[in-house]
Amino acid sequence: MVSVKSKLTTDKGENMKSIEQVRSEEFGDVYTMEQFADMVEADTIIPYDGNGYFHDGERKTNVSVWTRDLTWDDIKDYPYVVWYNK
């Protein structure tokens, strides 16, 4: 099985905001997909803690990171996760 972290490559070009820009515009905590995958893998973030939504570098989606039927193709274009603690 190939891990999510091994597939993390995104090139959205000049329109994609940096993580610092996204953080300044969002109320929640913003993580790269790699950071978020590391935290989930280490059980430092679990569904009970809150919810996260994918961000494509331009805008946040309404797709929860806990949606069970997502595939790599569904999330490969989202370099960030915006996380909201409960």
C-alpha atoms as a PDB file:
ATOM      1  CA  MET A   1       0.000   0.000   0.000  1.00  0.00           C
ATOM      2  CA  VAL A   2       1.344   3.436  -0.951  1.00  0.00           C
ATOM      3  CA  SER A   3       1.100   6.049   1.771  1.00  0.00           C
ATOM      4  CA  VAL A   4      -0.538   9.411   1.240  1.00  0.00           C
ATOM      5  CA  LYS A   5       2.697  11.152   2.165  1.00  0.00           C
ATOM      6  CA  SER A   6       4.586   9.467  -0.655  1.00  0.00           C
ATOM      7  CA  LYS A   7       2.132  10.913  -3.187  1.00  0.00           C
ATOM      8  CA  LEU A   8       2.183  14.522  -1.991  1.00  0.00           C
ATOM      9  CA  THR A   9       3.110  16.663  -4.962  1.00  0.00           C
ATOM     10  CA  THR A  10       1.042  19.616  -6.075  1.00  0.00           C
ATOM     11  CA  ASP A  11       1.795  22.279  -8.662  1.00  0.00           C
ATOM     12  CA  LYS A  12      -1.013  24.824  -8.871  1.00  0.00           C
ATOM     13  CA  GLY A  13       1.250  27.501 -10.338  1.00  0.00           C
ATOM     14  CA  GLU A  14       1.275  31.168  -9.473  1.00  0.00           C
ATOM     15  CA  ASN A  15      -2.344  31.256  -8.248  1.00  0.00           C
ATOM     16  CA  MET A  16      -1.663  29.013  -5.275  1.00  0.00           C
ATOM     17  CA  LYS A  17      -1.241  30.858  -1.988  1.00  0.00           C
ATOM     18  CA  SER A  18       1.566  30.052   0.398  1.00  0.00           C
ATOM     19  CA  ILE A  19       0.708  28.431   3.705  1.00  0.00           C
ATOM     20  CA  GLU A  20       1.375  31.786   5.407  1.00  0.00           C
ATOM     21  CA  GLN A  21      -1.180  33.516   3.169  1.00  0.00           C
ATOM     22  CA  VAL A  22      -3.771  30.813   3.822  1.00  0.00           C
ATOM     23  CA  ARG A  23      -3.130  31.027   7.586  1.00  0.00           C
ATOM     24  CA  SER A  24      -3.702  34.791   7.528  1.00  0.00           C
ATOM     25  CA  GLU A  25      -7.075  34.312   5.805  1.00  0.00           C
ATOM     26  CA  GLU A  26      -8.487  31.333   7.710  1.00  0.00           C
ATOM     27  CA  PHE A  27      -9.830  31.126  11.254  1.00  0.00           C
ATOM     28  CA  GLY A  28      -8.668  27.537  11.822  1.00  0.00           C
ATOM     29  CA  ASP A  29      -5.196  26.045  11.982  1.00  0.00           C
ATOM     30  CA  VAL A  30      -3.650  25.411   8.577  1.00  0.00           C
ATOM     31  CA  TYR A  31      -1.393  22.436   7.878  1.00  0.00           C
ATOM     32  CA  THR A  32       0.231  21.088   4.777  1.00  0.00           C
ATOM     33  CA  MET A  33      -1.128  17.714   3.717  1.00  0.00           C
ATOM     34  CA  GLU A  34       2.164  16.138   4.805  1.00  0.00           C
ATOM     35  CA  GLN A  35       1.959  17.719   8.271  1.00  0.00           C
ATOM     36  CA  PHE A  36      -1.656  16.634   8.641  1.00  0.00           C
ATOM     37  CA  ALA A  37      -0.924  13.082   7.449  1.00  0.00           C
ATOM     38  CA  ASP A  38       1.921  12.870   9.993  1.00  0.00           C
ATOM     39  CA  MET A  39      -0.391  13.977  12.833  1.00  0.00           C
ATOM     40  CA  VAL A  40      -3.122  11.509  11.858  1.00  0.00           C
ATOM     41  CA  GLU A  41      -0.579   8.702  11.517  1.00  0.00           C
ATOM     42  CA  ALA A  42       0.776   9.518  15.002  1.00  0.00           C
ATOM     43  CA  ASP A  43      -2.778   9.749  16.448  1.00  0.00           C
ATOM     44  CA  THR A  44      -2.183  13.339  17.579  1.00  0.00           C
ATOM     45  CA  ILE A  45      -5.324  14.358  15.663  1.00  0.00           C
ATOM     46  CA  ILE A  46      -8.402  12.133  15.735  1.00  0.00           C
ATOM     47  CA  PRO A  47     -12.027  12.698  14.666  1.00  0.00           C
ATOM     48  CA  TYR A  48     -13.071  13.412  18.268  1.00  0.00           C
ATOM     49  CA  ASP A  49     -10.714  16.449  18.322  1.00  0.00           C
ATOM     50  CA  GLY A  50     -12.446  18.410  15.566  1.00  0.00           C
ATOM     51  CA  ASN A  51     -12.779  18.608  11.818  1.00  0.00           C
ATOM     52  CA  GLY A  52     -10.587  19.615   8.920  1.00  0.00           C
ATOM     53  CA  TYR A  53     -11.372  20.687   5.388  1.00  0.00           C
ATOM     54  CA  PHE A  54      -9.235  20.517   2.290  1.00  0.00           C
ATOM     55  CA  HIS A  55      -7.877  23.771   0.852  1.00  0.00           C
ATOM     56  CA  ASP A  56      -6.589  24.031  -2.705  1.00  0.00           C
ATOM     57  CA  GLY A  57      -4.346  27.051  -2.197  1.00  0.00           C
ATOM     58  CA  GLU A  58      -7.092  29.364  -3.383  1.00  0.00           C
ATOM     59  CA  ARG A  59     -10.119  28.405  -1.276  1.00  0.00           C
ATOM     60  CA  LYS A  60     -11.327  26.001   1.382  1.00  0.00           C
ATOM     61  CA  THR A  61     -13.676  23.191   0.385  1.00  0.00           C
ATOM     62  CA  ASN A  62     -16.610  21.794   2.355  1.00  0.00           C
ATOM     63  CA  VAL A  63     -15.106  18.291   2.109  1.00  0.00           C
ATOM     64  CA  SER A  64     -14.217  16.898   5.522  1.00  0.00           C
ATOM     65  CA  VAL A  65     -10.889  15.131   5.991  1.00  0.00           C
ATOM     66  CA  TRP A  66     -12.832  12.369   7.784  1.00  0.00           C
ATOM     67  CA  THR A  67     -14.921  11.468   4.720  1.00  0.00           C
ATOM     68  CA  ARG A  68     -14.304   7.718   4.468  1.00  0.00           C
ATOM     69  CA  ASP A  69     -14.809   7.122   0.758  1.00  0.00           C
ATOM     70  CA  LEU A  70     -12.252   9.644  -0.517  1.00  0.00           C
ATOM     71  CA  THR A  71      -9.574   8.377  -2.854  1.00  0.00           C
ATOM     72  CA  TRP A  72      -6.174   9.811  -3.668  1.00  0.00           C
ATOM     73  CA  ASP A  73      -7.632  11.229  -6.894  1.00  0.00           C
ATOM     74  CA  ASP A  74     -10.224  13.127  -4.828  1.00  0.00           C
ATOM     75  CA  ILE A  75      -7.650  14.911  -2.660  1.00  0.00           C
ATOM     76  CA  LYS A  76      -4.435  15.078  -4.688  1.00  0.00           C
ATOM     77  CA  ASP A  77      -4.950  18.726  -5.671  1.00  0.00           C
ATOM     78  CA  TYR A  78      -5.315  19.971  -2.097  1.00  0.00           C
ATOM     79  CA  PRO A  79      -1.982  20.945  -0.536  1.00  0.00           C
ATOM     80  CA  TYR A  80      -3.502  22.208   2.732  1.00  0.00           C
ATOM     81  CA  VAL A  81      -5.929  21.224   5.460  1.00  0.00           C
ATOM     82  CA  VAL A  82      -7.753  23.846   7.538  1.00  0.00           C
ATOM     83  CA  TRP A  83      -8.378  22.356  10.972  1.00  0.00           C
ATOM     84  CA  TYR A  84     -11.015  23.421  13.515  1.00  0.00           C
ATOM     85  CA  ASN A  85     -10.799  22.106  17.083  1.00  0.00           C
ATOM     86  CA  LYS A  86     -14.032  21.265  18.896  1.00  0.00           C
END
